[in-house]
N, C-alpha and C. Protein backbone atom coordinates (compact mmCIF):
# COMPACT_ATOMS: atom_id res chain seq x y z
N MET A 1 -14.24 -173.63 -0.39
CA MET A 1 -15.45 -174.25 -0.87
C MET A 1 -15.95 -175.28 0.15
N LYS A 2 -17.21 -175.19 0.48
CA LYS A 2 -17.80 -176.08 1.47
C LYS A 2 -18.07 -177.45 0.85
N SER A 3 -17.76 -178.50 1.62
CA SER A 3 -17.99 -179.86 1.15
C SER A 3 -19.48 -180.18 1.17
N LEU A 4 -19.91 -181.00 0.22
CA LEU A 4 -21.29 -181.44 0.17
C LEU A 4 -21.52 -182.71 0.98
N SER A 5 -20.47 -183.29 1.49
CA SER A 5 -20.59 -184.52 2.26
C SER A 5 -21.21 -184.21 3.62
N PRO A 6 -22.27 -184.94 4.00
CA PRO A 6 -22.89 -184.69 5.31
C PRO A 6 -22.02 -185.08 6.49
N VAL A 7 -20.92 -185.78 6.26
CA VAL A 7 -20.02 -186.16 7.35
C VAL A 7 -18.72 -185.36 7.34
N ALA A 8 -18.60 -184.41 6.42
CA ALA A 8 -17.37 -183.62 6.34
C ALA A 8 -17.11 -182.90 7.66
N GLY A 9 -15.92 -183.14 8.21
CA GLY A 9 -15.52 -182.50 9.45
C GLY A 9 -16.10 -183.11 10.71
N LYS A 10 -16.94 -184.11 10.57
CA LYS A 10 -17.53 -184.76 11.74
C LYS A 10 -16.61 -185.87 12.24
N THR A 11 -16.57 -186.04 13.55
CA THR A 11 -15.78 -187.10 14.15
C THR A 11 -16.68 -188.30 14.41
N ILE A 12 -16.33 -189.41 13.77
CA ILE A 12 -17.07 -190.65 13.91
C ILE A 12 -16.18 -191.63 14.67
N VAL A 13 -16.64 -192.09 15.81
CA VAL A 13 -15.88 -193.10 16.54
C VAL A 13 -16.43 -194.46 16.15
N ILE A 14 -15.53 -195.36 15.81
CA ILE A 14 -15.92 -196.72 15.45
C ILE A 14 -15.40 -197.63 16.56
N ILE A 15 -16.33 -198.30 17.22
CA ILE A 15 -16.02 -199.08 18.41
C ILE A 15 -16.16 -200.57 18.11
N GLY A 16 -15.10 -201.30 18.32
CA GLY A 16 -15.17 -202.74 18.07
C GLY A 16 -13.90 -203.44 18.49
N GLU A 17 -13.94 -204.73 18.31
CA GLU A 17 -12.78 -205.56 18.62
C GLU A 17 -11.71 -205.34 17.56
N PRO A 18 -10.45 -205.72 17.83
CA PRO A 18 -9.40 -205.59 16.84
C PRO A 18 -9.80 -206.27 15.52
N GLY A 19 -9.53 -205.61 14.42
CA GLY A 19 -9.86 -206.15 13.11
C GLY A 19 -11.23 -205.75 12.58
N PHE A 20 -12.03 -205.07 13.40
CA PHE A 20 -13.37 -204.66 12.97
C PHE A 20 -13.31 -203.62 11.86
N VAL A 21 -12.33 -202.75 11.91
CA VAL A 21 -12.21 -201.67 10.92
C VAL A 21 -11.01 -201.92 10.02
N SER A 22 -11.27 -202.07 8.73
CA SER A 22 -10.17 -202.29 7.78
C SER A 22 -9.61 -200.95 7.31
N ASP A 23 -8.43 -201.00 6.70
CA ASP A 23 -7.85 -199.80 6.12
C ASP A 23 -8.75 -199.24 5.01
N GLY A 24 -9.39 -200.14 4.26
CA GLY A 24 -10.30 -199.71 3.20
C GLY A 24 -11.47 -198.91 3.74
N VAL A 25 -12.01 -199.32 4.88
CA VAL A 25 -13.11 -198.59 5.52
C VAL A 25 -12.62 -197.21 5.96
N LYS A 26 -11.47 -197.16 6.60
CA LYS A 26 -10.92 -195.87 7.04
C LYS A 26 -10.74 -194.92 5.86
N LYS A 27 -10.19 -195.43 4.77
CA LYS A 27 -9.96 -194.59 3.58
C LYS A 27 -11.28 -194.13 2.96
N ALA A 28 -12.27 -194.99 2.94
CA ALA A 28 -13.57 -194.63 2.35
C ALA A 28 -14.24 -193.51 3.15
N TRP A 29 -14.18 -193.58 4.47
CA TRP A 29 -14.77 -192.53 5.30
C TRP A 29 -13.93 -191.25 5.19
N ALA A 30 -12.61 -191.37 5.12
CA ALA A 30 -11.75 -190.20 4.97
C ALA A 30 -12.01 -189.50 3.63
N ALA A 31 -12.32 -190.28 2.60
CA ALA A 31 -12.63 -189.69 1.30
C ALA A 31 -13.89 -188.81 1.38
N ARG A 32 -14.73 -189.09 2.35
CA ARG A 32 -15.93 -188.26 2.58
C ARG A 32 -15.65 -187.16 3.59
N GLN A 33 -14.40 -187.00 3.94
CA GLN A 33 -13.90 -185.96 4.82
C GLN A 33 -14.35 -186.11 6.27
N ALA A 34 -14.65 -187.33 6.67
CA ALA A 34 -14.98 -187.61 8.07
C ALA A 34 -13.69 -187.88 8.82
N VAL A 35 -13.67 -187.53 10.08
CA VAL A 35 -12.56 -187.85 10.96
C VAL A 35 -12.94 -189.14 11.66
N VAL A 36 -12.22 -190.21 11.36
CA VAL A 36 -12.52 -191.52 11.92
C VAL A 36 -11.57 -191.82 13.07
N VAL A 37 -12.15 -192.15 14.21
CA VAL A 37 -11.38 -192.55 15.38
C VAL A 37 -11.82 -193.96 15.72
N THR A 38 -10.86 -194.87 15.82
CA THR A 38 -11.21 -196.24 16.18
C THR A 38 -10.85 -196.45 17.64
N SER A 39 -11.65 -197.26 18.29
CA SER A 39 -11.42 -197.54 19.69
C SER A 39 -11.89 -198.94 20.03
N SER A 40 -11.22 -199.54 20.97
CA SER A 40 -11.66 -200.86 21.43
C SER A 40 -12.80 -200.68 22.42
N VAL A 41 -13.56 -201.71 22.61
CA VAL A 41 -14.66 -201.70 23.57
C VAL A 41 -14.13 -201.35 24.95
N TYR A 42 -13.01 -201.94 25.33
CA TYR A 42 -12.43 -201.71 26.64
C TYR A 42 -12.10 -200.23 26.85
N MET A 43 -11.47 -199.61 25.87
CA MET A 43 -11.09 -198.21 26.00
C MET A 43 -12.31 -197.31 26.14
N VAL A 44 -13.35 -197.58 25.39
CA VAL A 44 -14.55 -196.75 25.45
C VAL A 44 -15.26 -196.91 26.79
N THR A 45 -15.40 -198.12 27.26
CA THR A 45 -16.09 -198.30 28.54
C THR A 45 -15.30 -197.68 29.69
N MET A 46 -13.98 -197.65 29.58
CA MET A 46 -13.18 -196.98 30.60
C MET A 46 -13.34 -195.46 30.51
N ARG A 47 -13.46 -194.93 29.31
CA ARG A 47 -13.62 -193.49 29.11
C ARG A 47 -15.00 -193.01 29.55
N ASN A 48 -16.00 -193.88 29.46
CA ASN A 48 -17.36 -193.46 29.80
C ASN A 48 -17.43 -192.81 31.17
N SER A 49 -16.65 -193.27 32.10
CA SER A 49 -16.73 -192.74 33.44
C SER A 49 -16.10 -191.36 33.58
N ASN A 50 -15.21 -191.00 32.67
CA ASN A 50 -14.58 -189.69 32.81
C ASN A 50 -14.86 -188.73 31.66
N GLU A 51 -15.84 -189.08 30.81
CA GLU A 51 -16.36 -188.15 29.80
C GLU A 51 -15.36 -187.72 28.73
N THR A 52 -14.31 -188.47 28.44
CA THR A 52 -13.31 -188.01 27.48
C THR A 52 -13.61 -188.41 26.04
N LEU A 53 -14.68 -189.13 25.79
CA LEU A 53 -15.02 -189.54 24.43
C LEU A 53 -15.80 -188.41 23.76
N ALA A 54 -15.17 -187.74 22.81
CA ALA A 54 -15.83 -186.64 22.11
C ALA A 54 -16.02 -187.04 20.65
N CYS A 55 -17.28 -187.06 20.21
CA CYS A 55 -17.56 -187.44 18.83
C CYS A 55 -18.91 -186.88 18.40
N ASP A 56 -19.13 -186.90 17.09
CA ASP A 56 -20.41 -186.47 16.53
C ASP A 56 -21.35 -187.65 16.32
N ALA A 57 -20.80 -188.85 16.21
CA ALA A 57 -21.60 -190.06 16.01
C ALA A 57 -20.72 -191.27 16.29
N ALA A 58 -21.38 -192.42 16.43
CA ALA A 58 -20.64 -193.66 16.71
C ALA A 58 -21.19 -194.81 15.89
N ILE A 59 -20.30 -195.70 15.52
CA ILE A 59 -20.65 -196.97 14.87
C ILE A 59 -20.09 -198.05 15.78
N ILE A 60 -20.97 -198.97 16.21
CA ILE A 60 -20.59 -199.96 17.21
C ILE A 60 -20.73 -201.36 16.62
N ASP A 61 -19.72 -202.18 16.83
CA ASP A 61 -19.70 -203.57 16.38
C ASP A 61 -20.79 -204.36 17.11
N VAL A 62 -21.65 -205.04 16.36
CA VAL A 62 -22.74 -205.80 16.98
C VAL A 62 -22.25 -207.01 17.77
N THR A 63 -21.00 -207.39 17.62
CA THR A 63 -20.51 -208.59 18.30
C THR A 63 -19.87 -208.31 19.66
N ILE A 64 -19.91 -207.06 20.11
CA ILE A 64 -19.31 -206.76 21.42
C ILE A 64 -20.15 -207.40 22.53
N PRO A 65 -19.58 -207.60 23.70
CA PRO A 65 -20.33 -208.19 24.81
C PRO A 65 -21.56 -207.36 25.17
N ASP A 66 -22.62 -208.03 25.58
CA ASP A 66 -23.89 -207.37 25.90
C ASP A 66 -23.74 -206.27 26.93
N GLU A 67 -23.00 -206.51 27.98
CA GLU A 67 -22.84 -205.51 29.03
C GLU A 67 -22.20 -204.24 28.49
N ALA A 68 -21.16 -204.39 27.68
CA ALA A 68 -20.50 -203.22 27.09
C ALA A 68 -21.44 -202.49 26.14
N MET A 69 -22.23 -203.25 25.39
CA MET A 69 -23.19 -202.66 24.46
C MET A 69 -24.21 -201.81 25.22
N LEU A 70 -24.71 -202.32 26.32
CA LEU A 70 -25.68 -201.58 27.12
C LEU A 70 -25.08 -200.32 27.73
N LEU A 71 -23.85 -200.40 28.21
CA LEU A 71 -23.17 -199.23 28.76
C LEU A 71 -22.99 -198.14 27.71
N MET A 72 -22.53 -198.53 26.53
CA MET A 72 -22.33 -197.56 25.46
C MET A 72 -23.65 -196.97 24.98
N ASN A 73 -24.65 -197.82 24.84
CA ASN A 73 -25.96 -197.38 24.43
C ASN A 73 -26.48 -196.29 25.37
N GLU A 74 -26.43 -196.55 26.66
CA GLU A 74 -26.92 -195.59 27.65
C GLU A 74 -26.11 -194.30 27.61
N TRP A 75 -24.79 -194.43 27.53
CA TRP A 75 -23.91 -193.26 27.52
C TRP A 75 -24.18 -192.38 26.31
N LEU A 76 -24.32 -192.99 25.14
CA LEU A 76 -24.57 -192.23 23.91
C LEU A 76 -25.97 -191.62 23.90
N GLU A 77 -26.97 -192.37 24.33
CA GLU A 77 -28.34 -191.86 24.38
C GLU A 77 -28.45 -190.64 25.30
N THR A 78 -27.83 -190.73 26.47
CA THR A 78 -27.87 -189.64 27.43
C THR A 78 -27.32 -188.35 26.83
N ARG A 79 -26.32 -188.46 25.99
CA ARG A 79 -25.67 -187.30 25.37
C ARG A 79 -26.25 -186.96 24.01
N ARG A 80 -27.26 -187.73 23.60
CA ARG A 80 -27.93 -187.55 22.30
C ARG A 80 -26.94 -187.58 21.14
N ILE A 81 -25.98 -188.49 21.24
CA ILE A 81 -25.02 -188.72 20.16
C ILE A 81 -25.60 -189.82 19.29
N PRO A 82 -25.79 -189.57 17.99
CA PRO A 82 -26.36 -190.62 17.13
C PRO A 82 -25.40 -191.79 16.99
N PHE A 83 -25.98 -192.99 16.93
CA PHE A 83 -25.15 -194.18 16.78
C PHE A 83 -25.94 -195.28 16.09
N VAL A 84 -25.20 -196.18 15.49
CA VAL A 84 -25.78 -197.39 14.90
C VAL A 84 -24.91 -198.57 15.29
N PHE A 85 -25.51 -199.73 15.27
CA PHE A 85 -24.77 -200.98 15.43
C PHE A 85 -24.58 -201.56 14.04
N ALA A 86 -23.40 -202.09 13.78
CA ALA A 86 -23.10 -202.62 12.45
C ALA A 86 -22.30 -203.91 12.58
N GLN A 87 -22.37 -204.70 11.53
CA GLN A 87 -21.50 -205.87 11.47
C GLN A 87 -20.36 -205.56 10.52
N GLY A 88 -19.28 -206.27 10.69
CA GLY A 88 -18.08 -205.98 9.94
C GLY A 88 -17.99 -206.66 8.59
N HIS A 89 -18.96 -207.46 8.25
CA HIS A 89 -18.93 -208.13 6.95
C HIS A 89 -20.36 -208.36 6.47
N ARG A 90 -20.50 -208.52 5.21
CA ARG A 90 -21.82 -208.74 4.62
C ARG A 90 -22.13 -210.23 4.66
N ALA A 91 -23.11 -210.59 5.46
CA ALA A 91 -23.52 -211.99 5.56
C ALA A 91 -24.48 -212.32 4.41
N GLU A 92 -24.45 -213.52 3.94
CA GLU A 92 -25.33 -213.94 2.84
C GLU A 92 -26.80 -213.76 3.22
N ALA A 93 -27.12 -214.01 4.49
CA ALA A 93 -28.51 -213.96 4.93
C ALA A 93 -28.90 -212.60 5.49
N LEU A 94 -28.08 -211.59 5.28
CA LEU A 94 -28.36 -210.27 5.84
C LEU A 94 -29.65 -209.72 5.26
N SER A 95 -30.62 -209.51 6.11
CA SER A 95 -31.89 -208.96 5.65
C SER A 95 -32.10 -207.55 6.16
N ALA A 96 -31.39 -207.16 7.18
CA ALA A 96 -31.53 -205.82 7.75
C ALA A 96 -30.26 -205.48 8.51
N GLY A 97 -30.17 -204.25 8.90
CA GLY A 97 -29.02 -203.82 9.68
C GLY A 97 -27.97 -203.14 8.82
N PHE A 98 -26.91 -202.73 9.46
CA PHE A 98 -25.85 -201.99 8.79
C PHE A 98 -24.59 -202.84 8.68
N VAL A 99 -23.83 -202.56 7.62
CA VAL A 99 -22.56 -203.24 7.39
C VAL A 99 -21.49 -202.17 7.31
N LEU A 100 -20.42 -202.33 8.07
CA LEU A 100 -19.30 -201.41 8.01
C LEU A 100 -18.33 -201.93 6.95
N SER A 101 -18.39 -201.31 5.79
CA SER A 101 -17.51 -201.71 4.69
C SER A 101 -17.10 -200.45 3.93
N ASN A 102 -16.31 -200.64 2.87
CA ASN A 102 -15.93 -199.50 2.05
C ASN A 102 -16.87 -199.31 0.86
N ARG A 103 -17.94 -200.10 0.80
CA ARG A 103 -18.92 -199.97 -0.28
C ARG A 103 -19.75 -198.70 -0.09
N ALA A 104 -19.95 -197.96 -1.17
CA ALA A 104 -20.70 -196.71 -1.11
C ALA A 104 -22.11 -196.91 -0.56
N ALA A 105 -22.79 -197.97 -0.96
CA ALA A 105 -24.16 -198.21 -0.49
C ALA A 105 -24.19 -198.44 1.02
N ASP A 106 -23.21 -199.16 1.55
CA ASP A 106 -23.16 -199.41 2.99
C ASP A 106 -22.87 -198.12 3.76
N ILE A 107 -21.94 -197.33 3.25
CA ILE A 107 -21.61 -196.05 3.89
C ILE A 107 -22.81 -195.11 3.82
N ASN A 108 -23.45 -195.02 2.67
CA ASN A 108 -24.61 -194.14 2.52
C ASN A 108 -25.72 -194.50 3.50
N ALA A 109 -25.96 -195.78 3.71
CA ALA A 109 -27.00 -196.22 4.64
C ALA A 109 -26.68 -195.77 6.07
N ILE A 110 -25.44 -195.89 6.46
CA ILE A 110 -25.03 -195.47 7.80
C ILE A 110 -25.12 -193.95 7.94
N VAL A 111 -24.63 -193.23 6.95
CA VAL A 111 -24.69 -191.76 6.98
C VAL A 111 -26.13 -191.28 7.09
N GLU A 112 -27.01 -191.87 6.31
CA GLU A 112 -28.43 -191.50 6.35
C GLU A 112 -29.03 -191.75 7.73
N ALA A 113 -28.70 -192.89 8.32
CA ALA A 113 -29.23 -193.21 9.65
C ALA A 113 -28.70 -192.26 10.72
N LEU A 114 -27.45 -191.87 10.60
CA LEU A 114 -26.85 -191.01 11.61
C LEU A 114 -27.20 -189.54 11.44
N PHE A 115 -27.21 -189.06 10.19
CA PHE A 115 -27.32 -187.61 9.96
C PHE A 115 -28.44 -187.18 9.02
N GLY A 116 -29.19 -188.14 8.47
CA GLY A 116 -30.23 -187.80 7.52
C GLY A 116 -31.42 -187.11 8.17
N PRO A 117 -32.27 -186.53 7.33
CA PRO A 117 -33.47 -185.88 7.86
C PRO A 117 -34.35 -186.90 8.57
N GLY A 118 -34.83 -186.54 9.71
CA GLY A 118 -35.70 -187.43 10.46
C GLY A 118 -34.98 -188.54 11.19
N ALA A 119 -33.64 -188.53 11.14
CA ALA A 119 -32.88 -189.58 11.82
C ALA A 119 -33.02 -189.39 13.33
N GLY A 120 -33.24 -190.49 14.01
CA GLY A 120 -33.30 -190.45 15.46
C GLY A 120 -31.91 -190.32 16.01
N TYR A 121 -31.78 -190.18 17.31
CA TYR A 121 -30.44 -190.06 17.87
C TYR A 121 -29.83 -191.40 18.20
N TYR A 122 -30.61 -192.46 18.05
CA TYR A 122 -30.04 -193.79 18.24
C TYR A 122 -30.83 -194.80 17.42
N HIS A 123 -30.18 -195.94 17.18
CA HIS A 123 -30.79 -196.99 16.35
C HIS A 123 -30.58 -198.33 16.99
């Protein structure tokens, strides 16, 4: 039976500093049958030069250094891999943007941005 989840079987790389991805987040994405790969900013920027990062989409921590963010942005755009930038916690003053949490509403917003109809290849 085919899964109805739009992320079923897709590999999502989550890029951030240590502690950006909780076990609850990993379990929530796994429950949607996504393959979650976590990576540090350092590991991804080192891989960029040798093309070993294989994924269907990426979620990037908004707090990473600007230079690393620009490198990843360019690398993902060139390969037309959809990605979003997200913060790791819900701020009281959050008016826009994505939050990487285990909440269904937060996950649904990211899934829609990455794979929904009319979604661009980057955000």
